[in-house]
């Protein structure tokens, strides 16, 4: 089972302020050239980060996404271990499928 963190997302009320903070704190270059101004960072090791405004305007959250070779199997294990699937496997781009689950204490984690 090959797994590693592949993406981190930070969203909140003031996306521009969050983008400035993370860009300056970590020296991340953010590409915001998209309709919503969502900031994307890609590093040389394959990790990506997305920073922007919370879609619902709420306080926001930090979510990390883990790559797994068997996302359906991983979701089954999550449920066996007391987690809950929040969003089933969903294709968001031709090459990208994601899912979200909550651990037993309610922390949301993504699969990609």
PDB file of N, CA and C in Angstrom:
ATOM      1  N   UNK A   1       0.850  -1.168   0.000  1.00  0.00           N
ATOM      2  CA  UNK A   1       0.000   0.000   0.000  1.00  0.00           C
ATOM      3  C   UNK A   1       0.900   1.238   0.000  1.00  0.00           C
ATOM      4  N   UNK A   2       1.016   1.901  -1.133  1.00  0.00           N
ATOM      5  CA  UNK A   2       1.837   3.107  -1.244  1.00  0.00           C
ATOM      6  C   UNK A   2       0.985   4.326  -0.914  1.00  0.00           C
ATOM      7  N   UNK A   3       1.365   5.039   0.126  1.00  0.00           N
ATOM      8  CA  UNK A   3       0.640   6.245   0.496  1.00  0.00           C
ATOM      9  C   UNK A   3       1.621   7.340   0.861  1.00  0.00           C
ATOM     10  N   UNK A   4       1.278   8.569   0.519  1.00  0.00           N
ATOM     11  CA  UNK A   4       2.059   9.721   0.936  1.00  0.00           C
ATOM     12  C   UNK A   4       1.178  10.968   0.785  1.00  0.00           C
ATOM     13  N   UNK A   5       1.499  12.002   1.560  1.00  0.00           N
ATOM     14  CA  UNK A   5       0.758  13.252   1.441  1.00  0.00           C
ATOM     15  C   UNK A   5       1.102  13.866   0.099  1.00  0.00           C
ATOM     16  N   UNK A   6       0.059  14.220  -0.661  1.00  0.00           N
ATOM     17  CA  UNK A   6       0.264  14.741  -2.007  1.00  0.00           C
ATOM     18  C   UNK A   6      -0.248  16.174  -2.162  1.00  0.00           C
ATOM     19  N   UNK A   7      -1.202  16.590  -1.314  1.00  0.00           N
ATOM     20  CA  UNK A   7      -1.805  17.915  -1.467  1.00  0.00           C
ATOM     21  C   UNK A   7      -2.263  18.420  -0.108  1.00  0.00           C
ATOM     22  N   UNK A   8      -2.105  19.711   0.105  1.00  0.00           N
ATOM     23  CA  UNK A   8      -2.587  20.380   1.310  1.00  0.00           C
ATOM     24  C   UNK A   8      -3.448  21.548   0.863  1.00  0.00           C
ATOM     25  N   UNK A   9      -4.618  21.690   1.488  1.00  0.00           N
ATOM     26  CA  UNK A   9      -5.500  22.803   1.146  1.00  0.00           C
ATOM     27  C   UNK A   9      -5.776  23.624   2.394  1.00  0.00           C
ATOM     28  N   UNK A  10      -5.651  24.946   2.251  1.00  0.00           N
ATOM     29  CA  UNK A  10      -5.956  25.879   3.328  1.00  0.00           C
ATOM     30  C   UNK A  10      -6.981  26.857   2.780  1.00  0.00           C
ATOM     31  N   UNK A  11      -8.157  26.891   3.385  1.00  0.00           N
ATOM     32  CA  UNK A  11      -9.189  27.849   2.973  1.00  0.00           C
ATOM     33  C   UNK A  11      -9.707  28.582   4.201  1.00  0.00           C
ATOM     34  N   UNK A  12     -10.145  29.823   3.978  1.00  0.00           N
ATOM     35  CA  UNK A  12     -10.668  30.628   5.076  1.00  0.00           C
ATOM     36  C   UNK A  12     -11.408  31.835   4.554  1.00  0.00           C
ATOM     37  N   UNK A  13     -11.786  32.709   5.463  1.00  0.00           N
ATOM     38  CA  UNK A  13     -12.589  33.886   5.100  1.00  0.00           C
ATOM     39  C   UNK A  13     -11.855  34.843   4.168  1.00  0.00           C
ATOM     40  N   UNK A  14     -10.547  35.032   4.402  1.00  0.00           N
ATOM     41  CA  UNK A  14      -9.767  35.980   3.604  1.00  0.00           C
ATOM     42  C   UNK A  14      -8.681  35.226   2.841  1.00  0.00           C
ATOM     43  N   UNK A  15      -9.063  34.717   1.665  1.00  0.00           N
ATOM     44  CA  UNK A  15      -8.142  33.914   0.869  1.00  0.00           C
ATOM     45  C   UNK A  15      -6.867  34.655   0.505  1.00  0.00           C
ATOM     46  N   UNK A  16      -6.991  35.931   0.131  1.00  0.00           N
ATOM     47  CA  UNK A  16      -5.815  36.712  -0.260  1.00  0.00           C
ATOM     48  C   UNK A  16      -4.832  36.853   0.908  1.00  0.00           C
ATOM     49  N   UNK A  17      -5.350  37.060   2.100  1.00  0.00           N
ATOM     50  CA  UNK A  17      -4.487  37.201   3.276  1.00  0.00           C
ATOM     51  C   UNK A  17      -3.792  35.869   3.589  1.00  0.00           C
ATOM     52  N   UNK A  18      -4.531  34.770   3.458  1.00  0.00           N
ATOM     53  CA  UNK A  18      -3.922  33.455   3.670  1.00  0.00           C
ATOM     54  C   UNK A  18      -2.838  33.184   2.628  1.00  0.00           C
ATOM     55  N   UNK A  19      -3.109  33.543   1.379  1.00  0.00           N
ATOM     56  CA  UNK A  19      -2.114  33.346   0.324  1.00  0.00           C
ATOM     57  C   UNK A  19      -0.844  34.121   0.630  1.00  0.00           C
ATOM     58  N   UNK A  20      -0.987  35.367   1.043  1.00  0.00           N
ATOM     59  CA  UNK A  20       0.180  36.195   1.379  1.00  0.00           C
ATOM     60  C   UNK A  20       0.952  35.564   2.547  1.00  0.00           C
ATOM     61  N   UNK A  21       0.228  35.126   3.565  1.00  0.00           N
ATOM     62  CA  UNK A  21       0.856  34.527   4.741  1.00  0.00           C
ATOM     63  C   UNK A  21       1.698  33.306   4.349  1.00  0.00           C
ATOM     64  N   UNK A  22       1.095  32.330   3.651  1.00  0.00           N
ATOM     65  CA  UNK A  22       1.815  31.102   3.321  1.00  0.00           C
ATOM     66  C   UNK A  22       2.919  31.337   2.298  1.00  0.00           C
ATOM     67  N   UNK A  23       2.706  32.239   1.364  1.00  0.00           N
ATOM     68  CA  UNK A  23       3.750  32.561   0.392  1.00  0.00           C
ATOM     69  C   UNK A  23       4.977  33.127   1.102  1.00  0.00           C
ATOM     70  N   UNK A  24       4.743  34.030   2.060  1.00  0.00           N
ATOM     71  CA  UNK A  24       5.868  34.643   2.776  1.00  0.00           C
ATOM     72  C   UNK A  24       6.456  33.715   3.829  1.00  0.00           C
ATOM     73  N   UNK A  25       5.616  32.938   4.508  1.00  0.00           N
ATOM     74  CA  UNK A  25       6.113  32.050   5.564  1.00  0.00           C
ATOM     75  C   UNK A  25       6.993  30.935   5.003  1.00  0.00           C
ATOM     76  N   UNK A  26       6.606  30.393   3.845  1.00  0.00           N
ATOM     77  CA  UNK A  26       7.314  29.240   3.298  1.00  0.00           C
ATOM     78  C   UNK A  26       8.037  29.519   1.988  1.00  0.00           C
ATOM     79  N   UNK A  27       7.960  30.740   1.487  1.00  0.00           N
ATOM     80  CA  UNK A  27       8.598  31.057   0.220  1.00  0.00           C
ATOM     81  C   UNK A  27       7.914  30.387  -0.966  1.00  0.00           C
ATOM     82  N   UNK A  28       6.631  30.115  -0.823  1.00  0.00           N
ATOM     83  CA  UNK A  28       5.883  29.456  -1.887  1.00  0.00           C
ATOM     84  C   UNK A  28       5.480  30.452  -2.955  1.00  0.00           C
ATOM     85  N   UNK A  29       5.715  30.106  -4.207  1.00  0.00           N
ATOM     86  CA  UNK A  29       5.159  30.860  -5.322  1.00  0.00           C
ATOM     87  C   UNK A  29       3.759  30.334  -5.571  1.00  0.00           C
ATOM     88  N   UNK A  30       2.784  31.213  -5.627  1.00  0.00           N
ATOM     89  CA  UNK A  30       1.400  30.788  -5.825  1.00  0.00           C
ATOM     90  C   UNK A  30       0.895  31.268  -7.177  1.00  0.00           C
ATOM     91  N   UNK A  31       0.339  30.364  -7.933  1.00  0.00           N
ATOM     92  CA  UNK A  31      -0.287  30.695  -9.198  1.00  0.00           C
ATOM     93  C   UNK A  31      -1.770  30.933  -8.935  1.00  0.00           C
ATOM     94  N   UNK A  32      -2.215  32.163  -9.101  1.00  0.00           N
ATOM     95  CA  UNK A  32      -3.626  32.500  -8.868  1.00  0.00           C
ATOM     96  C   UNK A  32      -4.344  32.811 -10.178  1.00  0.00           C
ATOM     97  N   UNK A  33      -3.747  32.407 -11.296  1.00  0.00           N
ATOM     98  CA  UNK A  33      -4.311  32.687 -12.615  1.00  0.00           C
ATOM     99  C   UNK A  33      -5.433  31.695 -12.926  1.00  0.00           C
ATOM    100  N   UNK A  34      -6.569  31.881 -12.284  1.00  0.00           N
ATOM    101  CA  UNK A  34      -7.761  31.059 -12.514  1.00  0.00           C
ATOM    102  C   UNK A  34      -8.978  31.892 -12.113  1.00  0.00           C
ATOM    103  N   UNK A  35     -10.175  31.494 -12.498  1.00  0.00           N
ATOM    104  CA  UNK A  35     -11.357  32.335 -12.268  1.00  0.00           C
ATOM    105  C   UNK A  35     -11.603  32.746 -10.813  1.00  0.00           C
ATOM    106  N   UNK A  36     -11.276  31.882  -9.857  1.00  0.00           N
ATOM    107  CA  UNK A  36     -11.556  32.211  -8.457  1.00  0.00           C
ATOM    108  C   UNK A  36     -10.353  32.757  -7.705  1.00  0.00           C
ATOM    109  N   UNK A  37      -9.197  32.880  -8.386  1.00  0.00           N
ATOM    110  CA  UNK A  37      -7.998  33.377  -7.718  1.00  0.00           C
ATOM    111  C   UNK A  37      -7.441  32.404  -6.688  1.00  0.00           C
ATOM    112  N   UNK A  38      -7.799  31.128  -6.794  1.00  0.00           N
ATOM    113  CA  UNK A  38      -7.314  30.090  -5.890  1.00  0.00           C
ATOM    114  C   UNK A  38      -5.817  29.932  -6.122  1.00  0.00           C
ATOM    115  N   UNK A  39      -5.025  30.039  -5.079  1.00  0.00           N
ATOM    116  CA  UNK A  39      -3.571  29.972  -5.208  1.00  0.00           C
ATOM    117  C   UNK A  39      -3.061  28.548  -5.185  1.00  0.00           C
ATOM    118  N   UNK A  40      -2.326  28.166  -6.218  1.00  0.00           N
ATOM    119  CA  UNK A  40      -1.753  26.817  -6.293  1.00  0.00           C
ATOM    120  C   UNK A  40      -0.230  26.885  -6.236  1.00  0.00           C
ATOM    121  N   UNK A  41       0.332  26.030  -5.400  1.00  0.00           N
ATOM    122  CA  UNK A  41       1.786  25.888  -5.286  1.00  0.00           C
ATOM    123  C   UNK A  41       2.147  24.455  -5.652  1.00  0.00           C
ATOM    124  N   UNK A  42       3.220  24.287  -6.411  1.00  0.00           N
ATOM    125  CA  UNK A  42       3.736  22.950  -6.733  1.00  0.00           C
ATOM    126  C   UNK A  42       5.230  22.951  -6.428  1.00  0.00           C
ATOM    127  N   UNK A  43       5.685  21.941  -5.681  1.00  0.00           N
ATOM    128  CA  UNK A  43       7.126  21.882  -5.426  1.00  0.00           C
ATOM    129  C   UNK A  43       7.772  20.777  -6.256  1.00  0.00           C
ATOM    130  N   UNK A  44       9.082  20.732  -6.206  1.00  0.00           N
ATOM    131  CA  UNK A  44       9.837  19.793  -7.037  1.00  0.00           C
ATOM    132  C   UNK A  44       9.652  18.337  -6.616  1.00  0.00           C
ATOM    133  N   UNK A  45       9.093  18.092  -5.443  1.00  0.00           N
ATOM    134  CA  UNK A  45       8.870  16.727  -4.960  1.00  0.00           C
ATOM    135  C   UNK A  45       7.466  16.211  -5.270  1.00  0.00           C
ATOM    136  N   UNK A  46       6.644  17.034  -5.917  1.00  0.00           N
ATOM    137  CA  UNK A  46       5.300  16.604  -6.285  1.00  0.00           C
ATOM    138  C   UNK A  46       4.204  17.041  -5.332  1.00  0.00           C
ATOM    139  N   UNK A  47       4.574  17.655  -4.208  1.00  0.00           N
ATOM    140  CA  UNK A  47       3.552  18.145  -3.279  1.00  0.00           C
ATOM    141  C   UNK A  47       2.903  19.386  -3.869  1.00  0.00           C
ATOM    142  N   UNK A  48       1.589  19.457  -3.780  1.00  0.00           N
ATOM    143  CA  UNK A  48       0.873  20.662  -4.190  1.00  0.00           C
ATOM    144  C   UNK A  48       0.141  21.229  -2.983  1.00  0.00           C
ATOM    145  N   UNK A  49      -0.117  22.525  -3.043  1.00  0.00           N
ATOM    146  CA  UNK A  49      -0.894  23.190  -1.997  1.00  0.00           C
ATOM    147  C   UNK A  49      -1.868  24.141  -2.675  1.00  0.00           C
ATOM    148  N   UNK A  50      -3.065  24.208  -2.151  1.00  0.00           N
ATOM    149  CA  UNK A  50      -4.071  25.130  -2.636  1.00  0.00           C
ATOM    150  C   UNK A  50      -4.513  26.030  -1.495  1.00  0.00           C
ATOM    151  N   UNK A  51      -4.546  27.336  -1.765  1.00  0.00           N
ATOM    152  CA  UNK A  51      -4.888  28.302  -0.715  1.00  0.00           C
ATOM    153  C   UNK A  51      -5.876  29.299  -1.288  1.00  0.00           C
ATOM    154  N   UNK A  52      -6.970  29.488  -0.575  1.00  0.00           N
ATOM    155  CA  UNK A  52      -7.956  30.437  -1.074  1.00  0.00           C
ATOM    156  C   UNK A  52      -9.106  30.656  -0.116  1.00  0.00           C
ATOM    157  N   UNK A  53     -10.109  31.316  -0.643  1.00  0.00           N
ATOM    158  CA  UNK A  53     -11.299  31.642   0.131  1.00  0.00           C
ATOM    159  C   UNK A  53     -12.150  30.391   0.329  1.00  0.00           C
ATOM    160  N   UNK A  54     -12.703  30.249   1.516  1.00  0.00           N
ATOM    161  CA  UNK A  54     -13.596  29.145   1.817  1.00  0.00           C
ATOM    162  C   UNK A  54     -14.837  29.242   0.928  1.00  0.00           C
ATOM    163  N   UNK A  55     -15.202  28.163   0.242  1.00  0.00           N
ATOM    164  CA  UNK A  55     -16.349  28.236  -0.677  1.00  0.00           C
ATOM    165  C   UNK A  55     -17.641  28.712  -0.027  1.00  0.00           C
ATOM    166  N   UNK A  56     -17.836  28.382   1.238  1.00  0.00           N
ATOM    167  CA  UNK A  56     -19.068  28.793   1.902  1.00  0.00           C
ATOM    168  C   UNK A  56     -18.909  30.072   2.724  1.00  0.00           C
ATOM    169  N   UNK A  57     -17.732  30.710   2.644  1.00  0.00           N
ATOM    170  CA  UNK A  57     -17.485  31.938   3.384  1.00  0.00           C
ATOM    171  C   UNK A  57     -17.234  31.724   4.865  1.00  0.00           C
ATOM    172  N   UNK A  58     -17.170  30.462   5.290  1.00  0.00           N
ATOM    173  CA  UNK A  58     -16.973  30.142   6.703  1.00  0.00           C
ATOM    174  C   UNK A  58     -15.532  30.319   7.147  1.00  0.00           C
ATOM    175  N   UNK A  59     -15.304  29.927   8.392  1.00  0.00           N
ATOM    176  CA  UNK A  59     -13.997  30.108   9.028  1.00  0.00           C
ATOM    177  C   UNK A  59     -12.890  29.346   8.315  1.00  0.00           C
ATOM    178  N   UNK A  60     -13.233  28.291   7.610  1.00  0.00           N
ATOM    179  CA  UNK A  60     -12.234  27.566   6.852  1.00  0.00           C
ATOM    180  C   UNK A  60     -11.641  26.398   7.598  1.00  0.00           C
ATOM    181  N   UNK A  61     -10.628  25.821   6.964  1.00  0.00           N
ATOM    182  CA  UNK A  61     -10.018  24.615   7.506  1.00  0.00           C
ATOM    183  C   UNK A  61      -8.733  24.303   6.763  1.00  0.00           C
ATOM    184  N   UNK A  62      -7.994  23.375   7.310  1.00  0.00           N
ATOM    185  CA  UNK A  62      -6.817  22.823   6.642  1.00  0.00           C
ATOM    186  C   UNK A  62      -7.112  21.341   6.414  1.00  0.00           C
ATOM    187  N   UNK A  63      -6.930  20.889   5.186  1.00  0.00           N
ATOM    188  CA  UNK A  63      -7.155  19.485   4.842  1.00  0.00           C
ATOM    189  C   UNK A  63      -5.918  18.972   4.120  1.00  0.00           C
ATOM    190  N   UNK A  64      -5.439  17.814   4.531  1.00  0.00           N
ATOM    191  CA  UNK A  64      -4.355  17.216   3.761  1.00  0.00           C
ATOM    192  C   UNK A  64      -4.913  16.026   2.994  1.00  0.00           C
ATOM    193  N   UNK A  65      -4.359  15.815   1.814  1.00  0.00           N
ATOM    194  CA  UNK A  65      -4.799  14.743   0.929  1.00  0.00           C
ATOM    195  C   UNK A  65      -3.682  13.722   0.794  1.00  0.00           C
ATOM    196  N   UNK A  66      -4.031  12.463   0.911  1.00  0.00           N
ATOM    197  CA  UNK A  66      -3.077  11.370   0.844  1.00  0.00           C
ATOM    198  C   UNK A  66      -3.292  10.609  -0.465  1.00  0.00           C
ATOM    199  N   UNK A  67      -2.202  10.342  -1.175  1.00  0.00           N
ATOM    200  CA  UNK A  67      -2.285   9.497  -2.369  1.00  0.00           C
ATOM    201  C   UNK A  67      -2.291   8.045  -1.918  1.00  0.00           C
ATOM    202  N   UNK A  68      -3.148   7.266  -2.528  1.00  0.00           N
ATOM    203  CA  UNK A  68      -3.172   5.834  -2.260  1.00  0.00           C
ATOM    204  C   UNK A  68      -3.434   5.099  -3.573  1.00  0.00           C
ATOM    205  N   UNK A  69      -2.800   3.946  -3.730  1.00  0.00           N
ATOM    206  CA  UNK A  69      -2.982   3.147  -4.939  1.00  0.00           C
ATOM    207  C   UNK A  69      -4.359   2.489  -4.996  1.00  0.00           C
ATOM    208  N   UNK A  70      -5.031   2.363  -3.850  1.00  0.00           N
ATOM    209  CA  UNK A  70      -6.336   1.704  -3.778  1.00  0.00           C
ATOM    210  C   UNK A  70      -7.299   2.557  -2.950  1.00  0.00           C
ATOM    211  N   UNK A  71      -7.807   3.649  -3.524  1.00  0.00           N
ATOM    212  CA  UNK A  71      -8.669   4.534  -2.734  1.00  0.00           C
ATOM    213  C   UNK A  71      -9.943   3.857  -2.236  1.00  0.00           C
ATOM    214  N   UNK A  72     -10.559   3.004  -3.032  1.00  0.00           N
ATOM    215  CA  UNK A  72     -11.782   2.328  -2.584  1.00  0.00           C
ATOM    216  C   UNK A  72     -11.474   1.421  -1.386  1.00  0.00           C
ATOM    217  N   UNK A  73     -10.374   0.690  -1.465  1.00  0.00           N
ATOM    218  CA  UNK A  73      -9.966  -0.163  -0.354  1.00  0.00           C
ATOM    219  C   UNK A  73      -9.620   0.646   0.889  1.00  0.00           C
ATOM    220  N   UNK A  74      -8.978   1.794   0.671  1.00  0.00           N
ATOM    221  CA  UNK A  74      -8.636   2.659   1.800  1.00  0.00           C
ATOM    222  C   UNK A  74      -9.897   3.163   2.490  1.00  0.00           C
ATOM    223  N   UNK A  75     -10.903   3.569   1.705  1.00  0.00           N
ATOM    224  CA  UNK A  75     -12.157   4.037   2.305  1.00  0.00           C
ATOM    225  C   UNK A  75     -12.853   2.923   3.094  1.00  0.00           C
ATOM    226  N   UNK A  76     -12.783   1.701   2.605  1.00  0.00           N
ATOM    227  CA  UNK A  76     -13.362   0.572   3.346  1.00  0.00           C
ATOM    228  C   UNK A  76     -12.641   0.377   4.677  1.00  0.00           C
ATOM    229  N   UNK A  77     -11.300   0.470   4.659  1.00  0.00           N
ATOM    230  CA  UNK A  77     -10.524   0.341   5.903  1.00  0.00           C
ATOM    231  C   UNK A  77     -10.864   1.467   6.864  1.00  0.00           C
ATOM    232  N   UNK A  78     -11.004   2.691   6.333  1.00  0.00           N
ATOM    233  CA  UNK A  78     -11.363   3.844   7.161  1.00  0.00           C
ATOM    234  C   UNK A  78     -12.659   3.565   7.910  1.00  0.00           C
ATOM    235  N   UNK A  79     -13.667   3.059   7.191  1.00  0.00           N
ATOM    236  CA  UNK A  79     -14.949   2.779   7.836  1.00  0.00           C
ATOM    237  C   UNK A  79     -14.832   1.659   8.865  1.00  0.00           C
ATOM    238  N   UNK A  80     -14.055   0.618   8.569  1.00  0.00           N
ATOM    239  CA  UNK A  80     -13.843  -0.472   9.530  1.00  0.00           C
ATOM    240  C   UNK A  80     -13.188   0.036  10.805  1.00  0.00           C
ATOM    241  N   UNK A  81     -12.334   1.057  10.659  1.00  0.00           N
ATOM    242  CA  UNK A  81     -11.589   1.587  11.804  1.00  0.00           C
ATOM    243  C   UNK A  81     -12.339   2.681  12.552  1.00  0.00           C
ATOM    244  N   UNK A  82     -13.596   2.943  12.166  1.00  0.00           N
ATOM    245  CA  UNK A  82     -14.400   3.928  12.894  1.00  0.00           C
ATOM    246  C   UNK A  82     -14.494   5.283  12.225  1.00  0.00           C
ATOM    247  N   UNK A  83     -13.939   5.411  11.023  1.00  0.00           N
ATOM    248  CA  UNK A  83     -14.061   6.665  10.287  1.00  0.00           C
ATOM    249  C   UNK A  83     -15.362   6.700   9.498  1.00  0.00           C
ATOM    250  N   UNK A  84     -15.622   7.835   8.858  1.00  0.00           N
ATOM    251  CA  UNK A  84     -16.862   8.015   8.106  1.00  0.00           C
ATOM    252  C   UNK A  84     -16.542   8.678   6.769  1.00  0.00           C
ATOM    253  N   UNK A  85     -17.032   8.113   5.688  1.00  0.00           N
ATOM    254  CA  UNK A  85     -16.843   8.719   4.376  1.00  0.00           C
ATOM    255  C   UNK A  85     -17.723   9.963   4.296  1.00  0.00           C
ATOM    256  N   UNK A  86     -17.110  11.104   3.993  1.00  0.00           N
ATOM    257  CA  UNK A  86     -17.824  12.380   3.880  1.00  0.00           C
ATOM    258  C   UNK A  86     -18.198  12.640   2.427  1.00  0.00           C
ATOM    259  N   UNK A  87     -17.259  12.351   1.509  1.00  0.00           N
ATOM    260  CA  UNK A  87     -17.494  12.488   0.078  1.00  0.00           C
ATOM    261  C   UNK A  87     -16.914  11.249  -0.594  1.00  0.00           C
ATOM    262  N   UNK A  88     -17.742  10.488  -1.315  1.00  0.00           N
ATOM    263  CA  UNK A  88     -17.220   9.289  -1.968  1.00  0.00           C
ATOM    264  C   UNK A  88     -16.249   9.655  -3.077  1.00  0.00           C
ATOM    265  N   UNK A  89     -15.607   8.663  -3.633  1.00  0.00           N
ATOM    266  CA  UNK A  89     -14.685   8.898  -4.748  1.00  0.00           C
ATOM    267  C   UNK A  89     -15.387   9.704  -5.831  1.00  0.00           C
ATOM    268  N   UNK A  90     -14.776  10.826  -6.212  1.00  0.00           N
ATOM    269  CA  UNK A  90     -15.367  11.758  -7.164  1.00  0.00           C
ATOM    270  C   UNK A  90     -14.285  12.216  -8.131  1.00  0.00           C
ATOM    271  N   UNK A  91     -14.545  12.102  -9.405  1.00  0.00           N
ATOM    272  CA  UNK A  91     -13.578  12.566 -10.400  1.00  0.00           C
ATOM    273  C   UNK A  91     -13.747  14.070 -10.565  1.00  0.00           C
ATOM    274  N   UNK A  92     -12.668  14.837 -10.312  1.00  0.00           N
ATOM    275  CA  UNK A  92     -12.717  16.299 -10.404  1.00  0.00           C
ATOM    276  C   UNK A  92     -11.950  16.833 -11.608  1.00  0.00           C
ATOM    277  N   UNK A  93     -11.154  15.992 -12.230  1.00  0.00           N
ATOM    278  CA  UNK A  93     -10.417  16.319 -13.457  1.00  0.00           C
ATOM    279  C   UNK A  93     -10.112  14.987 -14.123  1.00  0.00           C
ATOM    280  N   UNK A  94      -9.769  15.006 -15.400  1.00  0.00           N
ATOM    281  CA  UNK A  94      -9.507  13.723 -16.073  1.00  0.00           C
ATOM    282  C   UNK A  94      -8.492  12.842 -15.343  1.00  0.00           C
ATOM    283  N   UNK A  95      -7.501  13.446 -14.727  1.00  0.00           N
ATOM    284  CA  UNK A  95      -6.459  12.668 -14.057  1.00  0.00           C
ATOM    285  C   UNK A  95      -6.571  12.685 -12.531  1.00  0.00           C
ATOM    286  N   UNK A  96      -7.645  13.259 -11.990  1.00  0.00           N
ATOM    287  CA  UNK A  96      -7.729  13.430 -10.541  1.00  0.00           C
ATOM    288  C   UNK A  96      -9.063  12.948  -9.982  1.00  0.00           C
ATOM    289  N   UNK A  97      -8.981  12.010  -9.048  1.00  0.00           N
ATOM    290  CA  UNK A  97     -10.141  11.530  -8.307  1.00  0.00           C
ATOM    291  C   UNK A  97      -9.866  11.798  -6.838  1.00  0.00           C
ATOM    292  N   UNK A  98     -10.861  12.333  -6.134  1.00  0.00           N
ATOM    293  CA  UNK A  98     -10.689  12.623  -4.714  1.00  0.00           C
ATOM    294  C   UNK A  98     -11.832  12.013  -3.905  1.00  0.00           C
ATOM    295  N   UNK A  99     -11.629  11.904  -2.615  1.00  0.00           N
ATOM    296  CA  UNK A  99     -12.646  11.507  -1.651  1.00  0.00           C
ATOM    297  C   UNK A  99     -12.290  12.196  -0.341  1.00  0.00           C
ATOM    298  N   UNK A 100     -13.261  12.343   0.538  1.00  0.00           N
ATOM    299  CA  UNK A 100     -13.026  12.908   1.859  1.00  0.00           C
ATOM    300  C   UNK A 100     -13.601  11.969   2.910  1.00  0.00           C
ATOM    301  N   UNK A 101     -12.873  11.831   4.008  1.00  0.00           N
ATOM    302  CA  UNK A 101     -13.398  11.055   5.129  1.00  0.00           C
ATOM    303  C   UNK A 101     -13.086  11.778   6.422  1.00  0.00           C
ATOM    304  N   UNK A 102     -13.833  11.427   7.465  1.00  0.00           N
ATOM    305  CA  UNK A 102     -13.570  11.949   8.804  1.00  0.00           C
ATOM    306  C   UNK A 102     -12.986  10.818   9.635  1.00  0.00           C
ATOM    307  N   UNK A 103     -11.955  11.136  10.414  1.00  0.00           N
ATOM    308  CA  UNK A 103     -11.400  10.129  11.319  1.00  0.00           C
ATOM    309  C   UNK A 103     -12.359   9.974  12.510  1.00  0.00           C
ATOM    310  N   UNK A 104     -12.081   9.077  13.461  1.00  0.00           N
ATOM    311  CA  UNK A 104     -13.022   8.862  14.569  1.00  0.00           C
ATOM    312  C   UNK A 104     -13.304  10.110  15.424  1.00  0.00           C
ATOM    313  N   UNK A 105     -12.444  11.117  15.371  1.00  0.00           N
ATOM    314  CA  UNK A 105     -12.703  12.355  16.126  1.00  0.00           C
ATOM    315  C   UNK A 105     -13.241  13.480  15.254  1.00  0.00           C
ATOM    316  N   UNK A 106     -13.500  13.197  13.984  1.00  0.00           N
ATOM    317  CA  UNK A 106     -14.109  14.186  13.106  1.00  0.00           C
ATOM    318  C   UNK A 106     -13.165  15.008  12.243  1.00  0.00           C
ATOM    319  N   UNK A 107     -11.853  14.751  12.293  1.00  0.00           N
ATOM    320  CA  UNK A 107     -10.911  15.470  11.443  1.00  0.00           C
ATOM    321  C   UNK A 107     -11.086  15.004  10.003  1.00  0.00           C
ATOM    322  N   UNK A 108     -11.225  15.936   9.090  1.00  0.00           N
ATOM    323  CA  UNK A 108     -11.437  15.579   7.692  1.00  0.00           C
ATOM    324  C   UNK A 108     -10.099  15.424   6.981  1.00  0.00           C
ATOM    325  N   UNK A 109      -9.974  14.319   6.250  1.00  0.00           N
ATOM    326  CA  UNK A 109      -8.770  13.986   5.493  1.00  0.00           C
ATOM    327  C   UNK A 109      -9.213  13.633   4.083  1.00  0.00           C
ATOM    328  N   UNK A 110      -8.401  14.002   3.101  1.00  0.00           N
ATOM    329  CA  UNK A 110      -8.733  13.687   1.725  1.00  0.00           C
ATOM    330  C   UNK A 110      -7.866  12.570   1.164  1.00  0.00           C
ATOM    331  N   UNK A 111      -8.424  11.889   0.193  1.00  0.00           N
ATOM    332  CA  UNK A 111      -7.670  10.924  -0.605  1.00  0.00           C
ATOM    333  C   UNK A 111      -7.609  11.495  -2.018  1.00  0.00           C
ATOM    334  N   UNK A 112      -6.502  11.308  -2.699  1.00  0.00           N
ATOM    335  CA  UNK A 112      -6.352  11.821  -4.056  1.00  0.00           C
ATOM    336  C   UNK A 112      -5.603  10.811  -4.880  1.00  0.00           C
TER     337      UNK A 112
END
